[in-house]
Amino acid sequence: MTRAKLPKGLSFEKALERLQEIVSELEDPAKGLERSLELFEEGVALSRFCRSKIEEIQKRVEVVLKETPEGFLTEPFEEGADEDEEDDGADDR
């Protein structure tokens, strides 16, 4: 199995754009098995790249919030947490 090579200096936005293109290409049933596998490998590499960029940004945001004079506190990011709070109808303020 060959590893997909990502271009140097790749931005998060470009990686996400390419990932969307790959998804569209993989939806085409006329693609051969080998080409589909190549696209899949590239997609996995791009997905990992995007995930690492998001984690890097989350860490940087936490550092900035911790260092402010106002004393903001950070909590771990949990997907769907805002939706749960809105659904219960309680106002904790």
PDB file of N, CA and C in Angstrom:
ATOM      1  N   MET A   1       0.843  -1.175   0.000  1.00  0.00           N
ATOM      2  CA  MET A   1       0.000   0.000   0.000  1.00  0.00           C
ATOM      3  C   MET A   1       0.890   1.240   0.000  1.00  0.00           C
ATOM      4  N   THR A   2       0.607   2.167  -0.894  1.00  0.00           N
ATOM      5  CA  THR A   2       1.384   3.393  -0.968  1.00  0.00           C
ATOM      6  C   THR A   2       0.743   4.463  -0.111  1.00  0.00           C
ATOM      7  N   ARG A   3       1.575   5.308   0.440  1.00  0.00           N
ATOM      8  CA  ARG A   3       1.069   6.414   1.253  1.00  0.00           C
ATOM      9  C   ARG A   3       0.852   7.619   0.372  1.00  0.00           C
ATOM     10  N   ALA A   4      -0.268   8.273   0.578  1.00  0.00           N
ATOM     11  CA  ALA A   4      -0.574   9.481  -0.182  1.00  0.00           C
ATOM     12  C   ALA A   4       0.339  10.608   0.283  1.00  0.00           C
ATOM     13  N   LYS A   5       0.930  11.295  -0.658  1.00  0.00           N
ATOM     14  CA  LYS A   5       1.797  12.431  -0.349  1.00  0.00           C
ATOM     15  C   LYS A   5       0.969  13.704  -0.415  1.00  0.00           C
ATOM     16  N   LEU A   6       1.033  14.475   0.654  1.00  0.00           N
ATOM     17  CA  LEU A   6       0.331  15.747   0.684  1.00  0.00           C
ATOM     18  C   LEU A   6       1.290  16.859   0.284  1.00  0.00           C
ATOM     19  N   PRO A   7       0.807  17.843  -0.459  1.00  0.00           N
ATOM     20  CA  PRO A   7       1.687  18.943  -0.860  1.00  0.00           C
ATOM     21  C   PRO A   7       2.165  19.751   0.336  1.00  0.00           C
ATOM     22  N   LYS A   8       3.387  20.236   0.246  1.00  0.00           N
ATOM     23  CA  LYS A   8       3.924  21.088   1.315  1.00  0.00           C
ATOM     24  C   LYS A   8       3.163  22.409   1.317  1.00  0.00           C
ATOM     25  N   GLY A   9       2.970  22.949   2.512  1.00  0.00           N
ATOM     26  CA  GLY A   9       2.282  24.223   2.645  1.00  0.00           C
ATOM     27  C   GLY A   9       0.777  24.118   2.435  1.00  0.00           C
ATOM     28  N   LEU A  10       0.244  22.923   2.510  1.00  0.00           N
ATOM     29  CA  LEU A  10      -1.192  22.712   2.323  1.00  0.00           C
ATOM     30  C   LEU A  10      -1.975  23.397   3.440  1.00  0.00           C
ATOM     31  N   SER A  11      -2.989  24.149   3.063  1.00  0.00           N
ATOM     32  CA  SER A  11      -3.834  24.815   4.063  1.00  0.00           C
ATOM     33  C   SER A  11      -5.003  23.910   4.418  1.00  0.00           C
ATOM     34  N   PHE A  12      -5.595  24.177   5.565  1.00  0.00           N
ATOM     35  CA  PHE A  12      -6.768  23.431   5.997  1.00  0.00           C
ATOM     36  C   PHE A  12      -7.884  23.558   4.964  1.00  0.00           C
ATOM     37  N   GLU A  13      -8.090  24.764   4.469  1.00  0.00           N
ATOM     38  CA  GLU A  13      -9.171  25.017   3.523  1.00  0.00           C
ATOM     39  C   GLU A  13      -8.978  24.238   2.224  1.00  0.00           C
ATOM     40  N   LYS A  14      -7.744  24.221   1.709  1.00  0.00           N
ATOM     41  CA  LYS A  14      -7.456  23.478   0.473  1.00  0.00           C
ATOM     42  C   LYS A  14      -7.622  21.977   0.701  1.00  0.00           C
ATOM     43  N   ALA A  15      -7.187  21.491   1.866  1.00  0.00           N
ATOM     44  CA  ALA A  15      -7.313  20.068   2.175  1.00  0.00           C
ATOM     45  C   ALA A  15      -8.786  19.677   2.248  1.00  0.00           C
ATOM     46  N   LEU A  16      -9.597  20.508   2.864  1.00  0.00           N
ATOM     47  CA  LEU A  16     -11.030  20.234   2.977  1.00  0.00           C
ATOM     48  C   LEU A  16     -11.700  20.259   1.602  1.00  0.00           C
ATOM     49  N   GLU A  17     -11.306  21.208   0.780  1.00  0.00           N
ATOM     50  CA  GLU A  17     -11.835  21.312  -0.577  1.00  0.00           C
ATOM     51  C   GLU A  17     -11.503  20.043  -1.376  1.00  0.00           C
ATOM     52  N   ARG A  18     -10.254  19.589  -1.283  1.00  0.00           N
ATOM     53  CA  ARG A  18      -9.840  18.373  -1.993  1.00  0.00           C
ATOM     54  C   ARG A  18     -10.579  17.154  -1.448  1.00  0.00           C
ATOM     55  N   LEU A  19     -10.791  17.114  -0.165  1.00  0.00           N
ATOM     56  CA  LEU A  19     -11.526  16.010   0.452  1.00  0.00           C
ATOM     57  C   LEU A  19     -12.950  15.940  -0.098  1.00  0.00           C
ATOM     58  N   GLN A  20     -13.576  17.079  -0.285  1.00  0.00           N
ATOM     59  CA  GLN A  20     -14.923  17.117  -0.867  1.00  0.00           C
ATOM     60  C   GLN A  20     -14.911  16.620  -2.314  1.00  0.00           C
ATOM     61  N   GLU A  21     -13.856  16.975  -3.056  1.00  0.00           N
ATOM     62  CA  GLU A  21     -13.726  16.493  -4.434  1.00  0.00           C
ATOM     63  C   GLU A  21     -13.585  14.969  -4.459  1.00  0.00           C
ATOM     64  N   ILE A  22     -12.802  14.438  -3.531  1.00  0.00           N
ATOM     65  CA  ILE A  22     -12.588  12.997  -3.464  1.00  0.00           C
ATOM     66  C   ILE A  22     -13.896  12.270  -3.181  1.00  0.00           C
ATOM     67  N   VAL A  23     -14.674  12.800  -2.256  1.00  0.00           N
ATOM     68  CA  VAL A  23     -15.968  12.182  -1.935  1.00  0.00           C
ATOM     69  C   VAL A  23     -16.837  12.131  -3.188  1.00  0.00           C
ATOM     70  N   SER A  24     -16.872  13.216  -3.942  1.00  0.00           N
ATOM     71  CA  SER A  24     -17.666  13.246  -5.176  1.00  0.00           C
ATOM     72  C   SER A  24     -17.152  12.226  -6.183  1.00  0.00           C
ATOM     73  N   GLU A  25     -15.833  12.133  -6.311  1.00  0.00           N
ATOM     74  CA  GLU A  25     -15.254  11.170  -7.247  1.00  0.00           C
ATOM     75  C   GLU A  25     -15.549   9.734  -6.823  1.00  0.00           C
ATOM     76  N   LEU A  26     -15.505   9.464  -5.539  1.00  0.00           N
ATOM     77  CA  LEU A  26     -15.766   8.104  -5.059  1.00  0.00           C
ATOM     78  C   LEU A  26     -17.222   7.694  -5.242  1.00  0.00           C
ATOM     79  N   GLU A  27     -18.104   8.647  -5.338  1.00  0.00           N
ATOM     80  CA  GLU A  27     -19.519   8.349  -5.558  1.00  0.00           C
ATOM     81  C   GLU A  27     -19.805   7.910  -6.986  1.00  0.00           C
ATOM     82  N   ASP A  28     -18.840   8.107  -7.895  1.00  0.00           N
ATOM     83  CA  ASP A  28     -18.988   7.714  -9.296  1.00  0.00           C
ATOM     84  C   ASP A  28     -18.736   6.210  -9.422  1.00  0.00           C
ATOM     85  N   PRO A  29     -19.772   5.441  -9.771  1.00  0.00           N
ATOM     86  CA  PRO A  29     -19.603   3.985  -9.856  1.00  0.00           C
ATOM     87  C   PRO A  29     -18.688   3.543 -10.997  1.00  0.00           C
ATOM     88  N   ALA A  30     -18.384   4.435 -11.938  1.00  0.00           N
ATOM     89  CA  ALA A  30     -17.532   4.075 -13.065  1.00  0.00           C
ATOM     90  C   ALA A  30     -16.046   4.034 -12.699  1.00  0.00           C
ATOM     91  N   LYS A  31     -15.690   4.525 -11.515  1.00  0.00           N
ATOM     92  CA  LYS A  31     -14.288   4.499 -11.088  1.00  0.00           C
ATOM     93  C   LYS A  31     -13.858   3.053 -10.902  1.00  0.00           C
ATOM     94  N   GLY A  32     -12.666   2.755 -11.295  1.00  0.00           N
ATOM     95  CA  GLY A  32     -12.144   1.408 -11.106  1.00  0.00           C
ATOM     96  C   GLY A  32     -11.716   1.196  -9.659  1.00  0.00           C
ATOM     97  N   LEU A  33     -11.489  -0.054  -9.327  1.00  0.00           N
ATOM     98  CA  LEU A  33     -11.105  -0.409  -7.963  1.00  0.00           C
ATOM     99  C   LEU A  33      -9.782   0.231  -7.565  1.00  0.00           C
ATOM    100  N   GLU A  34      -8.795   0.167  -8.440  1.00  0.00           N
ATOM    101  CA  GLU A  34      -7.479   0.748  -8.122  1.00  0.00           C
ATOM    102  C   GLU A  34      -7.563   2.255  -7.919  1.00  0.00           C
ATOM    103  N   ARG A  35      -8.275   2.940  -8.797  1.00  0.00           N
ATOM    104  CA  ARG A  35      -8.408   4.396  -8.669  1.00  0.00           C
ATOM    105  C   ARG A  35      -9.183   4.748  -7.399  1.00  0.00           C
ATOM    106  N   SER A  36     -10.210   3.980  -7.103  1.00  0.00           N
ATOM    107  CA  SER A  36     -10.978   4.219  -5.883  1.00  0.00           C
ATOM    108  C   SER A  36     -10.099   4.056  -4.648  1.00  0.00           C
ATOM    109  N   LEU A  37      -9.234   3.059  -4.654  1.00  0.00           N
ATOM    110  CA  LEU A  37      -8.326   2.844  -3.526  1.00  0.00           C
ATOM    111  C   LEU A  37      -7.348   4.004  -3.390  1.00  0.00           C
ATOM    112  N   GLU A  38      -6.825   4.492  -4.509  1.00  0.00           N
ATOM    113  CA  GLU A  38      -5.916   5.651  -4.469  1.00  0.00           C
ATOM    114  C   GLU A  38      -6.618   6.864  -3.879  1.00  0.00           C
ATOM    115  N   LEU A  39      -7.838   7.097  -4.314  1.00  0.00           N
ATOM    116  CA  LEU A  39      -8.609   8.232  -3.799  1.00  0.00           C
ATOM    117  C   LEU A  39      -8.889   8.067  -2.313  1.00  0.00           C
ATOM    118  N   PHE A  40      -9.227   6.851  -1.914  1.00  0.00           N
ATOM    119  CA  PHE A  40      -9.496   6.572  -0.508  1.00  0.00           C
ATOM    120  C   PHE A  40      -8.255   6.856   0.340  1.00  0.00           C
ATOM    121  N   GLU A  41      -7.096   6.397  -0.109  1.00  0.00           N
ATOM    122  CA  GLU A  41      -5.851   6.636   0.631  1.00  0.00           C
ATOM    123  C   GLU A  41      -5.559   8.127   0.752  1.00  0.00           C
ATOM    124  N   GLU A  42      -5.755   8.856  -0.337  1.00  0.00           N
ATOM    125  CA  GLU A  42      -5.546  10.302  -0.286  1.00  0.00           C
ATOM    126  C   GLU A  42      -6.536  10.952   0.675  1.00  0.00           C
ATOM    127  N   GLY A  43      -7.772  10.495   0.642  1.00  0.00           N
ATOM    128  CA  GLY A  43      -8.807  11.030   1.530  1.00  0.00           C
ATOM    129  C   GLY A  43      -8.482  10.802   2.993  1.00  0.00           C
ATOM    130  N   VAL A  44      -7.985   9.614   3.323  1.00  0.00           N
ATOM    131  CA  VAL A  44      -7.615   9.318   4.711  1.00  0.00           C
ATOM    132  C   VAL A  44      -6.472  10.228   5.155  1.00  0.00           C
ATOM    133  N   ALA A  45      -5.480  10.414   4.291  1.00  0.00           N
ATOM    134  CA  ALA A  45      -4.356  11.299   4.624  1.00  0.00           C
ATOM    135  C   ALA A  45      -4.843  12.734   4.843  1.00  0.00           C
ATOM    136  N   LEU A  46      -5.734  13.194   3.986  1.00  0.00           N
ATOM    137  CA  LEU A  46      -6.273  14.553   4.127  1.00  0.00           C
ATOM    138  C   LEU A  46      -7.114  14.684   5.388  1.00  0.00           C
ATOM    139  N   SER A  47      -7.881  13.657   5.690  1.00  0.00           N
ATOM    140  CA  SER A  47      -8.707  13.671   6.903  1.00  0.00           C
ATOM    141  C   SER A  47      -7.832  13.766   8.149  1.00  0.00           C
ATOM    142  N   ARG A  48      -6.760  13.008   8.182  1.00  0.00           N
ATOM    143  CA  ARG A  48      -5.834  13.065   9.324  1.00  0.00           C
ATOM    144  C   ARG A  48      -5.172  14.433   9.420  1.00  0.00           C
ATOM    145  N   PHE A  49      -4.809  14.992   8.278  1.00  0.00           N
ATOM    146  CA  PHE A  49      -4.204  16.319   8.244  1.00  0.00           C
ATOM    147  C   PHE A  49      -5.174  17.354   8.827  1.00  0.00           C
ATOM    148  N   CYS A  50      -6.437  17.307   8.379  1.00  0.00           N
ATOM    149  CA  CYS A  50      -7.447  18.253   8.863  1.00  0.00           C
ATOM    150  C   CYS A  50      -7.676  18.089  10.364  1.00  0.00           C
ATOM    151  N   ARG A  51      -7.754  16.853  10.822  1.00  0.00           N
ATOM    152  CA  ARG A  51      -7.955  16.583  12.248  1.00  0.00           C
ATOM    153  C   ARG A  51      -6.799  17.178  13.069  1.00  0.00           C
ATOM    154  N   SER A  52      -5.562  17.007  12.593  1.00  0.00           N
ATOM    155  CA  SER A  52      -4.420  17.536  13.342  1.00  0.00           C
ATOM    156  C   SER A  52      -4.434  19.062  13.377  1.00  0.00           C
ATOM    157  N   LYS A  53      -4.864  19.688  12.273  1.00  0.00           N
ATOM    158  CA  LYS A  53      -4.962  21.147  12.246  1.00  0.00           C
ATOM    159  C   LYS A  53      -6.018  21.644  13.239  1.00  0.00           C
ATOM    160  N   ILE A  54      -7.152  20.968  13.296  1.00  0.00           N
ATOM    161  CA  ILE A  54      -8.208  21.353  14.229  1.00  0.00           C
ATOM    162  C   ILE A  54      -7.727  21.215  15.670  1.00  0.00           C
ATOM    163  N   GLU A  55      -7.056  20.123  15.978  1.00  0.00           N
ATOM    164  CA  GLU A  55      -6.536  19.923  17.331  1.00  0.00           C
ATOM    165  C   GLU A  55      -5.501  20.979  17.683  1.00  0.00           C
ATOM    166  N   GLU A  56      -4.659  21.335  16.722  1.00  0.00           N
ATOM    167  CA  GLU A  56      -3.645  22.378  16.941  1.00  0.00           C
ATOM    168  C   GLU A  56      -4.309  23.718  17.256  1.00  0.00           C
ATOM    169  N   ILE A  57      -5.326  24.068  16.512  1.00  0.00           N
ATOM    170  CA  ILE A  57      -6.033  25.333  16.726  1.00  0.00           C
ATOM    171  C   ILE A  57      -6.749  25.327  18.076  1.00  0.00           C
ATOM    172  N   GLN A  58      -7.370  24.204  18.434  1.00  0.00           N
ATOM    173  CA  GLN A  58      -8.048  24.118  19.736  1.00  0.00           C
ATOM    174  C   GLN A  58      -7.060  24.360  20.874  1.00  0.00           C
ATOM    175  N   LYS A  59      -5.871  23.785  20.782  1.00  0.00           N
ATOM    176  CA  LYS A  59      -4.852  23.981  21.825  1.00  0.00           C
ATOM    177  C   LYS A  59      -4.414  25.434  21.890  1.00  0.00           C
ATOM    178  N   ARG A  60      -4.241  26.063  20.724  1.00  0.00           N
ATOM    179  CA  ARG A  60      -3.829  27.463  20.703  1.00  0.00           C
ATOM    180  C   ARG A  60      -4.897  28.363  21.315  1.00  0.00           C
ATOM    181  N   VAL A  61      -6.157  28.081  21.038  1.00  0.00           N
ATOM    182  CA  VAL A  61      -7.257  28.866  21.606  1.00  0.00           C
ATOM    183  C   VAL A  61      -7.261  28.719  23.123  1.00  0.00           C
ATOM    184  N   GLU A  62      -7.071  27.507  23.618  1.00  0.00           N
ATOM    185  CA  GLU A  62      -7.046  27.288  25.061  1.00  0.00           C
ATOM    186  C   GLU A  62      -5.914  28.065  25.721  1.00  0.00           C
ATOM    187  N   VAL A  63      -4.751  28.116  25.086  1.00  0.00           N
ATOM    188  CA  VAL A  63      -3.622  28.870  25.633  1.00  0.00           C
ATOM    189  C   VAL A  63      -3.957  30.358  25.679  1.00  0.00           C
ATOM    190  N   VAL A  64      -4.536  30.871  24.605  1.00  0.00           N
ATOM    191  CA  VAL A  64      -4.881  32.301  24.566  1.00  0.00           C
ATOM    192  C   VAL A  64      -5.897  32.621  25.651  1.00  0.00           C
ATOM    193  N   LEU A  65      -6.906  31.781  25.818  1.00  0.00           N
ATOM    194  CA  LEU A  65      -7.916  32.048  26.834  1.00  0.00           C
ATOM    195  C   LEU A  65      -7.351  31.963  28.244  1.00  0.00           C
ATOM    196  N   LYS A  66      -6.442  31.059  28.480  1.00  0.00           N
ATOM    197  CA  LYS A  66      -5.834  30.933  29.807  1.00  0.00           C
ATOM    198  C   LYS A  66      -4.963  32.131  30.141  1.00  0.00           C
ATOM    199  N   GLU A  67      -4.357  32.743  29.144  1.00  0.00           N
ATOM    200  CA  GLU A  67      -3.407  33.824  29.379  1.00  0.00           C
ATOM    201  C   GLU A  67      -4.047  35.203  29.456  1.00  0.00           C
ATOM    202  N   THR A  68      -5.331  35.335  29.308  1.00  0.00           N
ATOM    203  CA  THR A  68      -5.953  36.652  29.338  1.00  0.00           C
ATOM    204  C   THR A  68      -6.080  37.156  30.768  1.00  0.00           C
ATOM    205  N   PRO A  69      -5.965  38.442  30.966  1.00  0.00           N
ATOM    206  CA  PRO A  69      -6.069  39.003  32.314  1.00  0.00           C
ATOM    207  C   PRO A  69      -7.463  38.807  32.922  1.00  0.00           C
ATOM    208  N   GLU A  70      -8.468  38.674  32.099  1.00  0.00           N
ATOM    209  CA  GLU A  70      -9.827  38.504  32.604  1.00  0.00           C
ATOM    210  C   GLU A  70     -10.024  37.133  33.252  1.00  0.00           C
ATOM    211  N   GLY A  71      -9.101  36.221  33.005  1.00  0.00           N
ATOM    212  CA  GLY A  71      -9.161  34.913  33.643  1.00  0.00           C
ATOM    213  C   GLY A  71     -10.186  33.960  33.064  1.00  0.00           C
ATOM    214  N   PHE A  72     -10.359  33.970  31.769  1.00  0.00           N
ATOM    215  CA  PHE A  72     -11.267  33.008  31.153  1.00  0.00           C
ATOM    216  C   PHE A  72     -10.806  31.595  31.448  1.00  0.00           C
ATOM    217  N   LEU A  73     -11.741  30.711  31.650  1.00  0.00           N
ATOM    218  CA  LEU A  73     -11.422  29.306  31.844  1.00  0.00           C
ATOM    219  C   LEU A  73     -11.882  28.537  30.622  1.00  0.00           C
ATOM    220  N   THR A  74     -11.134  27.486  30.279  1.00  0.00           N
ATOM    221  CA  THR A  74     -11.536  26.665  29.145  1.00  0.00           C
ATOM    222  C   THR A  74     -11.979  25.308  29.640  1.00  0.00           C
ATOM    223  N   GLU A  75     -12.830  24.693  28.869  1.00  0.00           N
ATOM    224  CA  GLU A  75     -13.281  23.342  29.141  1.00  0.00           C
ATOM    225  C   GLU A  75     -13.062  22.535  27.876  1.00  0.00           C
ATOM    226  N   PRO A  76     -12.888  21.239  27.989  1.00  0.00           N
ATOM    227  CA  PRO A  76     -12.716  20.420  26.781  1.00  0.00           C
ATOM    228  C   PRO A  76     -13.918  20.573  25.861  1.00  0.00           C
ATOM    229  N   PHE A  77     -13.653  20.607  24.573  1.00  0.00           N
ATOM    230  CA  PHE A  77     -14.692  20.741  23.572  1.00  0.00           C
ATOM    231  C   PHE A  77     -15.448  19.436  23.456  1.00  0.00           C
ATOM    232  N   GLU A  78     -16.772  19.519  23.544  1.00  0.00           N
ATOM    233  CA  GLU A  78     -17.609  18.339  23.375  1.00  0.00           C
ATOM    234  C   GLU A  78     -18.653  18.656  22.319  1.00  0.00           C
ATOM    235  N   GLU A  79     -18.687  17.838  21.262  1.00  0.00           N
ATOM    236  CA  GLU A  79     -19.663  18.049  20.211  1.00  0.00           C
ATOM    237  C   GLU A  79     -21.065  17.849  20.758  1.00  0.00           C
ATOM    238  N   GLY A  80     -21.969  18.709  20.334  1.00  0.00           N
ATOM    239  CA  GLY A  80     -23.362  18.568  20.718  1.00  0.00           C
ATOM    240  C   GLY A  80     -23.691  19.113  22.094  1.00  0.00           C
ATOM    241  N   ALA A  81     -22.730  19.625  22.836  1.00  0.00           N
ATOM    242  CA  ALA A  81     -22.981  20.121  24.185  1.00  0.00           C
ATOM    243  C   ALA A  81     -23.961  21.287  24.168  1.00  0.00           C
ATOM    244  N   ASP A  82     -23.829  22.204  23.206  1.00  0.00           N
ATOM    245  CA  ASP A  82     -24.730  23.352  23.115  1.00  0.00           C
ATOM    246  C   ASP A  82     -26.151  22.911  22.811  1.00  0.00           C
ATOM    247  N   GLU A  83     -26.296  21.904  21.960  1.00  0.00           N
ATOM    248  CA  GLU A  83     -27.621  21.424  21.594  1.00  0.00           C
ATOM    249  C   GLU A  83     -28.340  20.847  22.804  1.00  0.00           C
ATOM    250  N   ASP A  84     -27.613  20.098  23.661  1.00  0.00           N
ATOM    251  CA  ASP A  84     -28.212  19.500  24.848  1.00  0.00           C
ATOM    252  C   ASP A  84     -28.727  20.572  25.797  1.00  0.00           C
ATOM    253  N   GLU A  85     -27.958  21.642  25.959  1.00  0.00           N
ATOM    254  CA  GLU A  85     -28.345  22.707  26.875  1.00  0.00           C
ATOM    255  C   GLU A  85     -29.586  23.420  26.376  1.00  0.00           C
ATOM    256  N   GLU A  86     -29.711  23.593  25.050  1.00  0.00           N
ATOM    257  CA  GLU A  86     -30.864  24.282  24.503  1.00  0.00           C
ATOM    258  C   GLU A  86     -32.121  23.445  24.636  1.00  0.00           C
ATOM    259  N   ASP A  87     -31.996  22.129  24.546  1.00  0.00           N
ATOM    260  CA  ASP A  87     -33.149  21.244  24.553  1.00  0.00           C
ATOM    261  C   ASP A  87     -33.802  21.101  25.911  1.00  0.00           C
ATOM    262  N   ASP A  88     -33.060  21.306  27.003  1.00  0.00           N
ATOM    263  CA  ASP A  88     -33.648  21.040  28.324  1.00  0.00           C
ATOM    264  C   ASP A  88     -34.560  22.165  28.802  1.00  0.00           C
ATOM    265  N   GLY A  89     -34.531  23.313  28.162  1.00  0.00           N
ATOM    266  CA  GLY A  89     -35.435  24.404  28.495  1.00  0.00           C
ATOM    267  C   GLY A  89     -35.062  25.165  29.749  1.00  0.00           C
ATOM    268  N   ALA A  90     -34.034  24.734  30.456  1.00  0.00           N
ATOM    269  CA  ALA A  90     -33.638  25.417  31.702  1.00  0.00           C
ATOM    270  C   ALA A  90     -32.666  26.543  31.369  1.00  0.00           C
ATOM    271  N   ASP A  91     -32.796  27.610  32.104  1.00  0.00           N
ATOM    272  CA  ASP A  91     -31.888  28.735  31.969  1.00  0.00           C
ATOM    273  C   ASP A  91     -31.071  28.839  33.233  1.00  0.00           C
ATOM    274  N   ASP A  92     -29.780  28.466  33.135  1.00  0.00           N
ATOM    275  CA  ASP A  92     -28.910  28.385  34.313  1.00  0.00           C
ATOM    276  C   ASP A  92     -28.262  29.722  34.654  1.00  0.00           C
ATOM    277  N   ARG A  93     -28.626  30.813  34.021  1.00  0.00           N
ATOM    278  CA  ARG A  93     -27.985  32.105  34.294  1.00  0.00           C
ATOM    279  C   ARG A  93     -28.425  32.691  35.534  1.00  0.00           C
TER     280      ARG A  93
END
